[in-house]
Protein backbone atom coordinates (compact mmCIF):
# COMPACT_ATOMS: atom_id res chain seq x y z
CA MET A 1 -0.03 0.06 -0.10
CA THR A 2 1.14 3.10 -1.09
CA ALA A 3 2.58 5.90 1.88
CA LEU A 4 0.46 8.49 -0.44
CA ALA A 5 -3.08 7.05 0.14
CA PRO A 6 -3.18 8.38 4.08
CA LEU A 7 -2.30 11.52 2.54
CA ALA A 8 -5.20 11.71 -0.15
CA ALA A 9 -7.69 11.04 2.35
CA LYS A 10 -8.94 13.88 2.65
CA THR A 11 -12.73 13.95 3.71
CA ASP A 12 -14.41 11.36 6.44
CA SER A 13 -15.35 8.85 3.23
CA ASP A 14 -12.06 8.74 2.09
CA GLN A 15 -10.95 8.47 5.55
CA LYS A 16 -13.70 5.52 5.75
CA ALA A 17 -12.87 3.89 2.14
CA LEU A 18 -8.76 3.88 2.90
CA GLN A 19 -9.99 1.86 6.13
CA LEU A 20 -11.78 -0.49 3.71
CA LEU A 21 -8.35 -0.59 1.72
CA LYS A 22 -6.32 -1.60 4.74
CA ASN A 23 -8.61 -4.23 5.51
CA GLU A 24 -8.39 -5.54 2.03
CA HIS A 25 -4.47 -5.22 1.66
CA THR A 26 -4.42 -6.89 6.00
CA ASN A 27 -7.08 -9.84 4.69
CA LEU A 28 -4.62 -10.24 1.43
CA GLY A 29 -1.74 -10.66 3.31
CA GLU A 30 -3.05 -13.28 5.82
CA TRP A 31 -4.32 -14.99 2.60
CA ASP A 32 -0.62 -14.88 1.57
CA ASN A 33 0.77 -16.10 4.97
CA ALA A 34 -1.55 -19.28 5.48
CA ILE A 35 -0.96 -20.22 1.73
CA GLN A 36 3.52 -19.94 2.10
CA ALA A 37 3.04 -22.10 5.01
CA THR A 38 0.71 -24.40 3.27
CA VAL A 39 4.02 -24.35 0.74
CA HIS A 40 6.32 -24.77 3.55
CA SER A 41 4.73 -27.85 5.11
CA LEU A 42 4.73 -29.53 1.99
CA ASN A 43 0.81 -29.84 2.38
CA ALA A 44 -0.41 -29.99 -1.57
CA GLU A 45 -4.18 -30.47 -0.95
CA LYS A 46 -4.73 -27.23 -1.66
CA SER A 47 -2.63 -27.10 -4.67
CA VAL A 48 -4.02 -30.13 -6.23
CA ASN A 49 -6.78 -30.02 -5.53
CA PRO A 50 -9.48 -28.09 -8.07
CA VAL A 51 -12.11 -26.81 -5.59
CA ALA A 52 -10.29 -25.84 -3.07
CA ALA A 53 -10.03 -21.95 -3.41
CA GLN A 54 -13.59 -22.31 -3.73
CA ASN A 55 -13.81 -23.71 -0.11
CA ASP A 56 -11.31 -20.84 1.05
CA PRO A 57 -13.72 -18.42 3.22
CA LEU A 58 -10.78 -15.73 3.71
CA LEU A 59 -10.17 -15.80 -0.08
CA ALA A 60 -13.99 -15.76 -0.97
CA LYS A 61 -13.83 -12.77 1.34
CA ILE A 62 -10.64 -11.40 0.28
CA SER A 63 -13.13 -11.42 -3.79
CA GLU A 64 -16.17 -10.16 -2.07
CA CYS A 65 -14.07 -6.94 -1.03
CA GLY A 66 -12.28 -6.73 -3.95
CA ASN A 67 -15.50 -6.51 -6.16
CA PHE A 68 -17.42 -4.34 -3.58
CA LEU A 69 -14.55 -1.95 -3.24
CA ASN A 70 -14.45 -2.23 -7.54
CA ALA A 71 -18.19 -0.88 -7.69
CA MET A 72 -17.38 1.85 -5.18
CA LEU A 73 -14.73 3.55 -6.18
CA VAL A 74 -15.92 3.71 -10.28
CA ASP A 75 -18.63 4.95 -8.23
CA GLY A 76 -17.42 7.31 -6.46
CA GLU A 77 -19.56 7.56 -3.78
CA PHE A 78 -18.57 5.92 0.07
CA ALA A 79 -20.53 2.97 0.60
CA ASP A 80 -19.73 0.20 3.98
CA SER A 81 -19.93 -3.62 3.41
CA PRO A 82 -19.37 -6.51 5.82
CA SER A 83 -17.15 -8.40 3.12
CA CYS A 84 -14.63 -5.21 3.88
CA HIS A 85 -14.45 -5.66 7.54
């Protein structure tokens, strides 16, 4: 996440949207850490199971939040979604 984003967030809505982006960034980091741990443990179940990604609740949350953020940012007005918390 860029260091400029907090500087550009001027309004209350900007600050709230920035927090949602930070939450998404945190969730992506947690997901990455979990995947890295799986790789390091040599557990191939998730990498060979074709439905493993579909059954990953954190990945589903990240995807849903990402879709929501994209729509919100394109719309240009702040909204909130539980998927981003």
